[in-house]
C-alpha atoms as a PDB file:
ATOM      1  CA  MET A   1     112.735  55.737 110.954  1.00  0.00           C
ATOM      2  CA  ARG A   2     109.255  54.997 109.419  1.00  0.00           C
ATOM      3  CA  LEU A   3     106.212  55.982 111.029  1.00  0.00           C
ATOM      4  CA  ILE A   4     103.173  54.218 110.684  1.00  0.00           C
ATOM      5  CA  TRP A   5      99.633  55.853 111.412  1.00  0.00           C
ATOM      6  CA  TRP A   6      96.492  53.742 111.123  1.00  0.00           C
ATOM      7  CA  VAL A   7      93.823  56.246 109.030  1.00  0.00           C
ATOM      8  CA  TYR A   8      90.560  55.904 107.067  1.00  0.00           C
ATOM      9  CA  SER A   9      90.744  55.408 103.304  1.00  0.00           C
ATOM     10  CA  HIS A  10      88.064  56.844 101.255  1.00  0.00           C
ATOM     11  CA  SER A  11      86.537  53.435 101.043  1.00  0.00           C
ATOM     12  CA  ASN A  12      85.806  53.626 104.670  1.00  0.00           C
ATOM     13  CA  THR A  13      88.425  50.985 105.505  1.00  0.00           C
ATOM     14  CA  LYS A  14      91.519  51.385 107.278  1.00  0.00           C
ATOM     15  CA  LYS A  15      94.914  51.258 105.709  1.00  0.00           C
ATOM     16  CA  ASN A  16      98.454  51.922 106.650  1.00  0.00           C
ATOM     17  CA  LEU A  17      99.681  55.477 105.626  1.00  0.00           C
ATOM     18  CA  TYR A  18     103.515  55.782 105.500  1.00  0.00           C
ATOM     19  CA  ILE A  19     105.614  58.783 106.029  1.00  0.00           C
ATOM     20  CA  ASN A  20     109.292  58.122 105.810  1.00  0.00           C
ATOM     21  CA  GLN A  21     112.313  60.323 106.346  1.00  0.00           C
ATOM     22  CA  SER A  22     113.515  59.783 102.477  1.00  0.00           C
ATOM     23  CA  GLN A  23     110.196  61.159 101.315  1.00  0.00           C
ATOM     24  CA  CYS A  24     110.454  64.064 103.496  1.00  0.00           C
ATOM     25  CA  ASN A  25     114.170  64.976 102.677  1.00  0.00           C
ATOM     26  CA  ALA A  26     113.171  64.570  98.933  1.00  0.00           C
ATOM     27  CA  TRP A  27     110.273  66.878  99.780  1.00  0.00           C
ATOM     28  CA  LEU A  28     107.906  65.180  97.292  1.00  0.00           C
ATOM     29  CA  THR A  29     105.140  67.645  98.063  1.00  0.00           C
ATOM     30  CA  HIS A  30     107.158  70.573  96.968  1.00  0.00           C
ATOM     31  CA  LYS A  31     107.932  68.858  93.782  1.00  0.00           C
ATOM     32  CA  LYS A  32     104.280  67.916  92.932  1.00  0.00           C
ATOM     33  CA  TRP A  33     103.165  71.426  94.039  1.00  0.00           C
ATOM     34  CA  LYS A  34     105.917  73.012  91.622  1.00  0.00           C
ATOM     35  CA  SER A  35     104.289  70.715  88.793  1.00  0.00           C
ATOM     36  CA  LEU A  36     101.247  72.766  89.128  1.00  0.00           C
ATOM     37  CA  ASN A  37     103.390  75.971  88.168  1.00  0.00           C
ATOM     38  CA  PHE A  38     102.985  77.146  91.816  1.00  0.00           C
ATOM     39  CA  THR A  39     106.225  78.539  93.423  1.00  0.00           C
ATOM     40  CA  THR A  40     106.641  77.980  97.052  1.00  0.00           C
ATOM     41  CA  THR A  41     109.790  77.770  99.274  1.00  0.00           C
ATOM     42  CA  ARG A  42     110.192  76.008 102.772  1.00  0.00           C
ATOM     43  CA  THR A  43     111.516  78.946 104.318  1.00  0.00           C
ATOM     44  CA  THR A  44     108.607  81.311 103.333  1.00  0.00           C
ATOM     45  CA  THR A  45     107.832  83.694 106.174  1.00  0.00           C
ATOM     46  CA  LEU A  46     104.073  83.598 107.193  1.00  0.00           C
ATOM     47  CA  PHE A  47     103.729  86.821 109.067  1.00  0.00           C
ATOM     48  CA  LEU A  48     103.827  90.382 108.352  1.00  0.00           C
ATOM     49  CA  LYS A  49     107.035  92.266 108.898  1.00  0.00           C
ATOM     50  CA  LEU A  50     108.010  96.015 109.357  1.00  0.00           C
ATOM     51  CA  GLU A  51     110.095  95.781 106.171  1.00  0.00           C
ATOM     52  CA  ASP A  52     106.873  94.759 104.295  1.00  0.00           C
ATOM     53  CA  PHE A  53     106.079  98.606 104.357  1.00  0.00           C
ATOM     54  CA  LEU A  54     108.965 100.609 105.649  1.00  0.00           C
ATOM     55  CA  TRP A  55     111.695  99.936 103.054  1.00  0.00           C
ATOM     56  CA  ARG A  56     110.297  97.460 100.564  1.00  0.00           C
ATOM     57  CA  LYS A  57     110.726  98.626  97.040  1.00  0.00           C
ATOM     58  CA  ASN A  58     107.857  96.849  95.502  1.00  0.00           C
ATOM     59  CA  VAL A  59     105.111  97.581  97.980  1.00  0.00           C
ATOM     60  CA  SER A  60     101.801  95.629  97.282  1.00  0.00           C
ATOM     61  CA  GLN A  61      99.289  97.762  95.483  1.00  0.00           C
ATOM     62  CA  GLN A  62      96.377  95.511  96.769  1.00  0.00           C
ATOM     63  CA  PRO A  63      94.119  96.589  99.622  1.00  0.00           C
ATOM     64  CA  LEU A  64      93.102  94.082 102.179  1.00  0.00           C
ATOM     65  CA  PRO A  65      92.569  91.138 102.257  1.00  0.00           C
ATOM     66  CA  TYR A  66      95.111  90.767  99.223  1.00  0.00           C
ATOM     67  CA  GLY A  67      97.811  93.289 100.232  1.00  0.00           C
ATOM     68  CA  ILE A  68      98.623  95.828 102.724  1.00  0.00           C
ATOM     69  CA  LYS A  69      97.979  99.070 100.633  1.00  0.00           C
ATOM     70  CA  GLY A  70      96.720 102.003 102.815  1.00  0.00           C
ATOM     71  CA  CYS A  71      97.410 100.064 106.096  1.00  0.00           C
ATOM     72  CA  GLY A  72     100.968 100.878 106.612  1.00  0.00           C
ATOM     73  CA  MET A  73     100.333 103.185 109.759  1.00  0.00           C
ATOM     74  CA  LEU A  74      98.044 100.441 111.451  1.00  0.00           C
ATOM     75  CA  ILE A  75     100.797  97.662 110.852  1.00  0.00           C
ATOM     76  CA  PHE A  76     103.460 100.241 112.603  1.00  0.00           C
ATOM     77  CA  LEU A  77     101.224 100.345 115.622  1.00  0.00           C
ATOM     78  CA  VAL A  78     100.355  96.618 115.821  1.00  0.00           C
ATOM     79  CA  TYR A  79     103.853  95.686 115.371  1.00  0.00           C
ATOM     80  CA  PHE A  80     106.702  98.223 115.902  1.00  0.00           C
ATOM     81  CA  THR A  81     105.712  99.633 119.170  1.00  0.00           C
ATOM     82  CA  PHE A  82     104.195  96.060 120.345  1.00  0.00           C
ATOM     83  CA  LEU A  83     107.284  94.323 119.672  1.00  0.00           C
ATOM     84  CA  VAL A  84     109.462  96.985 121.564  1.00  0.00           C
ATOM     85  CA  LEU A  85     107.007  97.131 124.620  1.00  0.00           C
ATOM     86  CA  HIS A  86     106.491  93.154 124.671  1.00  0.00           C
ATOM     87  CA  ASN A  87     109.761  92.096 123.507  1.00  0.00           C
ATOM     88  CA  VAL A  88     108.395  89.998 120.840  1.00  0.00           C
ATOM     89  CA  SER A  89     110.574  89.285 117.920  1.00  0.00           C
ATOM     90  CA  ASN A  90     110.023  85.743 116.691  1.00  0.00           C
ATOM     91  CA  PHE A  91     108.017  85.688 113.598  1.00  0.00           C
ATOM     92  CA  THR A  92     108.438  81.960 112.555  1.00  0.00           C
ATOM     93  CA  LEU A  93     107.289  78.792 114.358  1.00  0.00           C
ATOM     94  CA  THR A  94     110.624  78.323 116.232  1.00  0.00           C
ATOM     95  CA  ASP A  95     110.177  75.018 117.399  1.00  0.00           C
ATOM     96  CA  GLN A  96     109.606  73.477 114.113  1.00  0.00           C
ATOM     97  CA  VAL A  97     112.328  75.479 112.222  1.00  0.00           C
ATOM     98  CA  GLY A  98     115.131  72.697 112.588  1.00  0.00           C
ATOM     99  CA  LEU A  99     112.822  69.856 111.491  1.00  0.00           C
ATOM    100  CA  GLU A 100     114.047  67.933 108.537  1.00  0.00           C
ATOM    101  CA  CYS A 101     110.450  66.583 107.892  1.00  0.00           C
ATOM    102  CA  ARG A 102     107.796  68.956 108.991  1.00  0.00           C
ATOM    103  CA  ARG A 103     104.629  67.095 109.083  1.00  0.00           C
ATOM    104  CA  CYS A 104     101.308  69.176 109.368  1.00  0.00           C
ATOM    105  CA  VAL A 105      97.713  68.508 109.700  1.00  0.00           C
ATOM    106  CA  VAL A 106      95.004  71.049 109.042  1.00  0.00           C
ATOM    107  CA  VAL A 107      91.922  70.276 111.125  1.00  0.00           C
ATOM    108  CA  GLY A 108      88.638  71.947 109.374  1.00  0.00           C
ATOM    109  CA  ASN A 109      85.660  72.418 111.307  1.00  0.00           C
ATOM    110  CA  GLY A 110      83.483  70.124 109.258  1.00  0.00           C
ATOM    111  CA  PHE A 111      80.718  67.828 110.645  1.00  0.00           C
ATOM    112  CA  SER A 112      82.666  64.991 108.815  1.00  0.00           C
ATOM    113  CA  ILE A 113      85.249  64.651 111.526  1.00  0.00           C
ATOM    114  CA  LYS A 114      82.550  63.805 113.983  1.00  0.00           C
ATOM    115  CA  ASN A 115      82.796  60.294 115.309  1.00  0.00           C
ATOM    116  CA  THR A 116      86.158  59.609 113.648  1.00  0.00           C
ATOM    117  CA  SER A 117      88.188  59.157 116.715  1.00  0.00           C
ATOM    118  CA  LEU A 118      91.011  60.798 115.087  1.00  0.00           C
ATOM    119  CA  GLY A 119      92.322  62.736 118.097  1.00  0.00           C
ATOM    120  CA  SER A 120      95.191  60.949 119.228  1.00  0.00           C
ATOM    121  CA  ILE A 121      96.392  60.745 115.397  1.00  0.00           C
ATOM    122  CA  ILE A 122      96.065  64.517 114.841  1.00  0.00           C
ATOM    123  CA  ASP A 123      98.145  64.987 118.303  1.00  0.00           C
ATOM    124  CA  LYS A 124     101.107  63.372 116.630  1.00  0.00           C
ATOM    125  CA  TYR A 125     101.791  65.818 113.749  1.00  0.00           C
ATOM    126  CA  ASP A 126     104.504  68.365 114.370  1.00  0.00           C
ATOM    127  CA  VAL A 127     102.080  71.243 113.462  1.00  0.00           C
ATOM    128  CA  VAL A 128      98.433  71.302 113.922  1.00  0.00           C
ATOM    129  CA  ILE A 129      96.477  74.183 112.268  1.00  0.00           C
ATOM    130  CA  ARG A 130      93.033  75.047 113.487  1.00  0.00           C
ATOM    131  CA  LEU A 131      90.399  77.286 112.379  1.00  0.00           C
ATOM    132  CA  ASN A 132      88.494  80.426 113.988  1.00  0.00           C
ATOM    133  CA  ASP A 133      86.756  79.494 117.138  1.00  0.00           C
ATOM    134  CA  ALA A 134      86.456  75.935 116.639  1.00  0.00           C
ATOM    135  CA  PRO A 135      86.465  74.498 120.276  1.00  0.00           C
ATOM    136  CA  VAL A 136      88.764  71.461 121.470  1.00  0.00           C
ATOM    137  CA  ARG A 137      87.533  70.776 124.928  1.00  0.00           C
ATOM    138  CA  GLY A 138      84.765  68.200 124.801  1.00  0.00           C
ATOM    139  CA  TYR A 139      85.733  67.110 121.352  1.00  0.00           C
ATOM    140  CA  GLU A 140      89.184  65.771 122.098  1.00  0.00           C
ATOM    141  CA  GLU A 141      88.391  62.301 120.747  1.00  0.00           C
ATOM    142  CA  ASP A 142      87.746  63.365 117.384  1.00  0.00           C
ATOM    143  CA  VAL A 143      89.839  66.556 117.059  1.00  0.00           C
ATOM    144  CA  GLY A 144      92.605  66.289 119.228  1.00  0.00           C
ATOM    145  CA  LYS A 145      93.997  68.759 121.685  1.00  0.00           C
ATOM    146  CA  LYS A 146      97.200  70.041 120.225  1.00  0.00           C
ATOM    147  CA  THR A 147      97.199  73.505 118.651  1.00  0.00           C
ATOM    148  CA  THR A 148     100.318  74.911 116.959  1.00  0.00           C
ATOM    149  CA  LEU A 149      98.494  77.787 114.843  1.00  0.00           C
ATOM    150  CA  ARG A 150      95.016  78.926 115.020  1.00  0.00           C
ATOM    151  CA  ILE A 151      94.051  81.260 111.738  1.00  0.00           C
ATOM    152  CA  PHE A 152      91.005  83.492 112.769  1.00  0.00           C
ATOM    153  CA  TYR A 153      89.729  86.992 112.201  1.00  0.00           C
ATOM    154  CA  PRO A 154      87.793  89.214 114.529  1.00  0.00           C
ATOM    155  CA  GLU A 155      84.307  88.136 113.820  1.00  0.00           C
ATOM    156  CA  SER A 156      85.498  84.476 114.273  1.00  0.00           C
ATOM    157  CA  ALA A 157      87.400  85.151 117.394  1.00  0.00           C
ATOM    158  CA  SER A 158      86.849  83.519 120.774  1.00  0.00           C
ATOM    159  CA  SER A 159      86.732  85.891 123.686  1.00  0.00           C
ATOM    160  CA  ASN A 160      88.870  83.455 125.699  1.00  0.00           C
ATOM    161  CA  PRO A 161      91.359  81.749 123.490  1.00  0.00           C
ATOM    162  CA  ARG A 162      92.979  79.958 126.523  1.00  0.00           C
ATOM    163  CA  LEU A 163      89.980  77.644 126.607  1.00  0.00           C
ATOM    164  CA  HIS A 164      90.751  75.759 123.540  1.00  0.00           C
ATOM    165  CA  ASN A 165      94.299  76.357 122.859  1.00  0.00           C
ATOM    166  CA  GLU A 166      97.803  75.506 124.463  1.00  0.00           C
ATOM    167  CA  GLU A 167      99.907  78.012 126.207  1.00  0.00           C
ATOM    168  CA  ASP A 168     102.393  78.315 123.148  1.00  0.00           C
ATOM    169  CA  THR A 169      99.681  78.403 120.360  1.00  0.00           C
ATOM    170  CA  LEU A 170     100.209  81.379 117.867  1.00  0.00           C
ATOM    171  CA  MET A 171      97.031  83.155 117.276  1.00  0.00           C
ATOM    172  CA  VAL A 172      97.147  84.026 113.642  1.00  0.00           C
ATOM    173  CA  LEU A 173      94.996  86.987 112.538  1.00  0.00           C
ATOM    174  CA  VAL A 174      93.789  87.011 108.804  1.00  0.00           C
ATOM    175  CA  PRO A 175      92.991  90.794 108.223  1.00  0.00           C
ATOM    176  CA  PHE A 176      90.370  90.983 105.527  1.00  0.00           C
ATOM    177  CA  LYS A 177      89.858  94.614 106.294  1.00  0.00           C
ATOM    178  CA  SER A 178      91.423  97.745 107.935  1.00  0.00           C
ATOM    179  CA  GLU A 179      88.878  97.384 110.774  1.00  0.00           C
ATOM    180  CA  ASP A 180      90.443  94.012 111.583  1.00  0.00           C
ATOM    181  CA  LEU A 181      93.824  95.582 112.328  1.00  0.00           C
ATOM    182  CA  ARG A 182      92.238  98.343 114.217  1.00  0.00           C
ATOM    183  CA  TRP A 183      90.432  95.720 116.378  1.00  0.00           C
ATOM    184  CA  LEU A 184      93.713  94.165 117.056  1.00  0.00           C
ATOM    185  CA  LYS A 185      95.483  97.465 117.952  1.00  0.00           C
ATOM    186  CA  GLU A 186      92.539  98.063 120.306  1.00  0.00           C
ATOM    187  CA  ILE A 187      93.194  94.664 121.989  1.00  0.00           C
ATOM    188  CA  LEU A 188      96.821  94.872 122.044  1.00  0.00           C
ATOM    189  CA  TYR A 189      96.707  98.441 123.794  1.00  0.00           C
ATOM    190  CA  ASP A 190      93.619  97.910 125.687  1.00  0.00           C
ATOM    191  CA  GLU A 191      92.023 100.864 124.086  1.00  0.00           C
ATOM    192  CA  LYS A 192      88.247 101.807 123.710  1.00  0.00           C
ATOM    193  CA  ARG A 193      86.800  98.941 121.396  1.00  0.00           C
ATOM    194  CA  ASN A 194      84.789  99.970 118.353  1.00  0.00           C
ATOM    195  CA  SER A 195      82.467  97.621 116.774  1.00  0.00           C
ATOM    196  CA  GLU A 196      81.598  99.485 113.739  1.00  0.00           C
ATOM    197  CA  GLY A 197      82.442  97.932 110.280  1.00  0.00           C
ATOM    198  CA  PHE A 198      82.249  94.334 111.161  1.00  0.00           C
ATOM    199  CA  TRP A 199      79.509  91.894 109.832  1.00  0.00           C
ATOM    200  CA  LYS A 200      78.744  90.805 113.266  1.00  0.00           C
ATOM    201  CA  PRO A 201      80.438  92.212 116.775  1.00  0.00           C
ATOM    202  CA  PRO A 202      83.904  90.986 117.415  1.00  0.00           C
ATOM    203  CA  PRO A 203      84.809  89.873 120.949  1.00  0.00           C
ATOM    204  CA  LEU A 204      85.272  93.364 122.792  1.00  0.00           C
ATOM    205  CA  ILE A 205      87.250  91.483 125.520  1.00  0.00           C
ATOM    206  CA  TRP A 206      89.860  89.090 124.453  1.00  0.00           C
ATOM    207  CA  LEU A 207      91.606  87.240 127.024  1.00  0.00           C
ATOM    208  CA  GLY A 208      94.439  85.508 124.773  1.00  0.00           C
ATOM    209  CA  ASP A 209      98.258  86.025 125.178  1.00  0.00           C
ATOM    210  CA  ARG A 210      98.880  89.061 123.534  1.00  0.00           C
ATOM    211  CA  GLY A 211     102.556  87.915 123.009  1.00  0.00           C
ATOM    212  CA  LYS A 212     101.608  85.012 120.808  1.00  0.00           C
ATOM    213  CA  VAL A 213      99.454  87.102 118.423  1.00  0.00           C
ATOM    214  CA  ARG A 214     100.663  87.388 114.651  1.00  0.00           C
ATOM    215  CA  VAL A 215      99.374  88.904 111.403  1.00  0.00           C
ATOM    216  CA  LEU A 216      99.413  86.512 108.296  1.00  0.00           C
ATOM    217  CA  ASP A 217     101.082  88.053 105.497  1.00  0.00           C
ATOM    218  CA  PRO A 218      98.180  89.078 102.764  1.00  0.00           C
ATOM    219  CA  HIS A 219     100.259  87.523 100.235  1.00  0.00           C
ATOM    220  CA  PHE A 220      98.724  84.032 101.065  1.00  0.00           C
ATOM    221  CA  MET A 221      95.276  85.373 100.665  1.00  0.00           C
ATOM    222  CA  HIS A 222      96.082  86.701  97.119  1.00  0.00           C
ATOM    223  CA  GLN A 223      97.898  83.484  96.253  1.00  0.00           C
ATOM    224  CA  THR A 224      95.090  81.414  97.357  1.00  0.00           C
ATOM    225  CA  ALA A 225      92.547  83.318  95.401  1.00  0.00           C
ATOM    226  CA  ASN A 226      94.686  83.950  92.418  1.00  0.00           C
ATOM    227  CA  LYS A 227      96.759  81.099  92.007  1.00  0.00           C
ATOM    228  CA  LEU A 228      94.938  78.142  93.830  1.00  0.00           C
ATOM    229  CA  LEU A 229      91.100  78.984  93.321  1.00  0.00           C
ATOM    230  CA  GLN A 230      91.837  81.207  90.151  1.00  0.00           C
ATOM    231  CA  PHE A 231      88.789  83.576  90.592  1.00  0.00           C
ATOM    232  CA  PRO A 232      88.901  87.216  90.217  1.00  0.00           C
ATOM    233  CA  LEU A 233      89.738  89.140  93.321  1.00  0.00           C
ATOM    234  CA  ASN A 234      87.043  90.700  95.396  1.00  0.00           C
ATOM    235  CA  ASN A 235      84.359  88.730  93.821  1.00  0.00           C
ATOM    236  CA  PHE A 236      84.612  85.931  96.458  1.00  0.00           C
ATOM    237  CA  HIS A 237      87.086  85.578  99.522  1.00  0.00           C
ATOM    238  CA  PRO A 238      88.739  82.267 100.220  1.00  0.00           C
ATOM    239  CA  THR A 239      87.546  80.666 103.502  1.00  0.00           C
ATOM    240  CA  THR A 240      90.099  80.418 106.333  1.00  0.00           C
ATOM    241  CA  GLY A 241      89.960  76.731 105.584  1.00  0.00           C
ATOM    242  CA  ILE A 242      91.315  76.693 102.212  1.00  0.00           C
ATOM    243  CA  LEU A 243      93.834  79.486 103.449  1.00  0.00           C
ATOM    244  CA  ALA A 244      95.035  77.396 106.011  1.00  0.00           C
ATOM    245  CA  VAL A 245      95.706  74.500 103.476  1.00  0.00           C
ATOM    246  CA  PHE A 246      97.479  76.862 101.302  1.00  0.00           C
ATOM    247  CA  VAL A 247      99.615  78.212 104.152  1.00  0.00           C
ATOM    248  CA  ALA A 248     100.403  74.565 105.299  1.00  0.00           C
ATOM    249  CA  LEU A 249     101.550  73.747 101.436  1.00  0.00           C
ATOM    250  CA  ASN A 250     104.050  76.575 101.701  1.00  0.00           C
ATOM    251  CA  TYR A 251     105.448  75.748 105.292  1.00  0.00           C
ATOM    252  CA  CYS A 252     105.236  71.894 105.465  1.00  0.00           C
ATOM    253  CA  ASP A 253     106.746  69.050 103.858  1.00  0.00           C
ATOM    254  CA  VAL A 254     103.614  66.771 104.363  1.00  0.00           C
ATOM    255  CA  VAL A 255     100.251  67.976 104.543  1.00  0.00           C
ATOM    256  CA  HIS A 256      96.945  66.194 105.719  1.00  0.00           C
ATOM    257  CA  LEU A 257      93.670  67.247 106.370  1.00  0.00           C
ATOM    258  CA  ALA A 258      90.717  66.312 108.382  1.00  0.00           C
ATOM    259  CA  GLY A 259      87.233  67.923 108.893  1.00  0.00           C
ATOM    260  CA  PHE A 260      86.977  69.354 105.495  1.00  0.00           C
ATOM    261  CA  GLY A 261      84.051  69.128 103.249  1.00  0.00           C
ATOM    262  CA  TYR A 262      80.538  70.600 103.016  1.00  0.00           C
ATOM    263  CA  PRO A 263      77.312  68.952 102.633  1.00  0.00           C
ATOM    264  CA  ALA A 264      75.316  69.225  99.295  1.00  0.00           C
ATOM    265  CA  ASN A 265      73.562  72.393  98.629  1.00  0.00           C
ATOM    266  CA  SER A 266      70.401  70.357  98.473  1.00  0.00           C
ATOM    267  CA  ALA A 267      70.916  69.151 102.189  1.00  0.00           C
ATOM    268  CA  GLN A 268      70.027  72.553 103.676  1.00  0.00           C
ATOM    269  CA  HIS A 269      69.303  71.332 107.244  1.00  0.00           C
ATOM    270  CA  GLN A 270      72.512  69.189 107.267  1.00  0.00           C
ATOM    271  CA  PRO A 271      74.861  70.765 110.050  1.00  0.00           C
ATOM    272  CA  ILE A 272      78.129  72.047 108.753  1.00  0.00           C
ATOM    273  CA  HIS A 273      80.191  72.037 111.775  1.00  0.00           C
ATOM    274  CA  TYR A 274      81.057  69.263 114.291  1.00  0.00           C
ATOM    275  CA  TYR A 275      79.919  71.572 117.066  1.00  0.00           C
ATOM    276  CA  GLY A 276      77.031  74.378 117.114  1.00  0.00           C
ATOM    277  CA  HIS A 277      73.897  74.400 115.116  1.00  0.00           C
ATOM    278  CA  TYR A 278      74.655  76.001 111.892  1.00  0.00           C
ATOM    279  CA  THR A 279      73.390  74.354 108.670  1.00  0.00           C
ATOM    280  CA  MET A 280      73.880  74.573 104.962  1.00  0.00           C
ATOM    281  CA  LYS A 281      71.220  77.074 104.892  1.00  0.00           C
ATOM    282  CA  SER A 282      73.501  79.618 106.691  1.00  0.00           C
ATOM    283  CA  MET A 283      75.871  79.346 103.606  1.00  0.00           C
ATOM    284  CA  GLN A 284      73.190  80.836 101.321  1.00  0.00           C
ATOM    285  CA  ASN A 285      74.557  84.290 101.387  1.00  0.00           C
ATOM    286  CA  SER A 286      77.901  83.415 101.681  1.00  0.00           C
ATOM    287  CA  SER A 287      80.917  85.345 100.183  1.00  0.00           C
ATOM    288  CA  HIS A 288      82.812  82.221  99.702  1.00  0.00           C
ATOM    289  CA  ASP A 289      82.632  80.125  96.705  1.00  0.00           C
ATOM    290  CA  ILE A 290      82.819  76.685  98.454  1.00  0.00           C
ATOM    291  CA  SER A 291      82.126  74.596  94.978  1.00  0.00           C
ATOM    292  CA  LYS A 292      85.280  76.330  93.744  1.00  0.00           C
ATOM    293  CA  GLU A 293      87.039  75.459  96.979  1.00  0.00           C
ATOM    294  CA  ALA A 294      85.868  71.843  96.823  1.00  0.00           C
ATOM    295  CA  GLN A 295      87.282  71.368  93.241  1.00  0.00           C
ATOM    296  CA  ALA A 296      90.487  72.939  94.203  1.00  0.00           C
ATOM    297  CA  LEU A 297      90.858  70.338  97.227  1.00  0.00           C
ATOM    298  CA  LYS A 298      89.851  67.325  94.993  1.00  0.00           C
ATOM    299  CA  MET A 299      92.740  68.516  92.624  1.00  0.00           C
ATOM    300  CA  LEU A 300      95.376  68.524  95.131  1.00  0.00           C
ATOM    301  CA  GLU A 301      94.001  65.425  96.734  1.00  0.00           C
ATOM    302  CA  ASP A 302      93.992  63.652  93.319  1.00  0.00           C
ATOM    303  CA  SER A 303      97.684  64.875  92.539  1.00  0.00           C
ATOM    304  CA  GLY A 304      98.910  63.458  95.845  1.00  0.00           C
ATOM    305  CA  ILE A 305      99.675  66.698  97.199  1.00  0.00           C
ATOM    306  CA  ILE A 306      97.397  66.485 100.215  1.00  0.00           C
ATOM    307  CA  THR A 307      95.855  63.638 101.815  1.00  0.00           C
ATOM    308  CA  ASN A 308      92.526  63.414 103.574  1.00  0.00           C
ATOM    309  CA  LEU A 309      92.683  61.182 106.997  1.00  0.00           C
ATOM    310  CA  HIS A 310      89.021  60.128 106.631  1.00  0.00           C
ATOM    311  CA  PRO A 311      85.974  59.911 104.312  1.00  0.00           C
ATOM    312  CA  HIS A 312      84.518  63.086 103.492  1.00  0.00           C
ATOM    313  CA  LEU A 313      81.653  64.670 101.924  1.00  0.00           C
END
């Protein structure tokens, strides 16, 4: 069955974007991805498991955010006891496991998505991935309202995820440092919060569904930095946006983007998000290499591996 969606081309005119079943069955995205010497599998496990540090022979020798070295006890406390107490055992997106064609959209927080009216299109995808504390309510016309995964870290967490997520949204923590896992442990067990070790205070009260929390395997951060961006580890860290794109490429058959792209560095007063008041000036001391990320996204787009749903900066 052919699905026809109207989307914006890069020339600001509308065009038909066809996603047909044969395209998904052949998994053309995966073939193109392999042509760039990346190794992916559609059954890749996205989230950390107990075996990652209990009985795996080759334990990662990298510390966070690129490995689990030195975090075994924290992972044990976060996962093992929590799974027993709350009977949480699913480490996959169970609603999408049986799909022959897994169609995903990664919704960035960029100002470029404003006034695009893409909301109804975004909500038709099988998997919608959102980032950090980006709001949905009040912005539905442009960004949609469906959320399958929300990738975040403590400093970017919303104190009340229920406001801008659905009941079955998986909240996926990206641990950049051991304090991030400690924060999650304190939240899960309702322990006394400790805000030391963060570049800005994370929420001390978190009203999300504890049973919907997962921890992204640091393997994806490592591969995003090392393979996709190809910069030395620990010099820069990938943004959650480029990380989410890499996750989608490992998990989905078709990957589309919306809301990606930063303004030019010269536009210091240009807003960078479709919400809030942050401008390019706030990126001056960033630990991210946004120029390198823009080049990587352009390479993926030019190769036909990803598709942008609207003109972007």
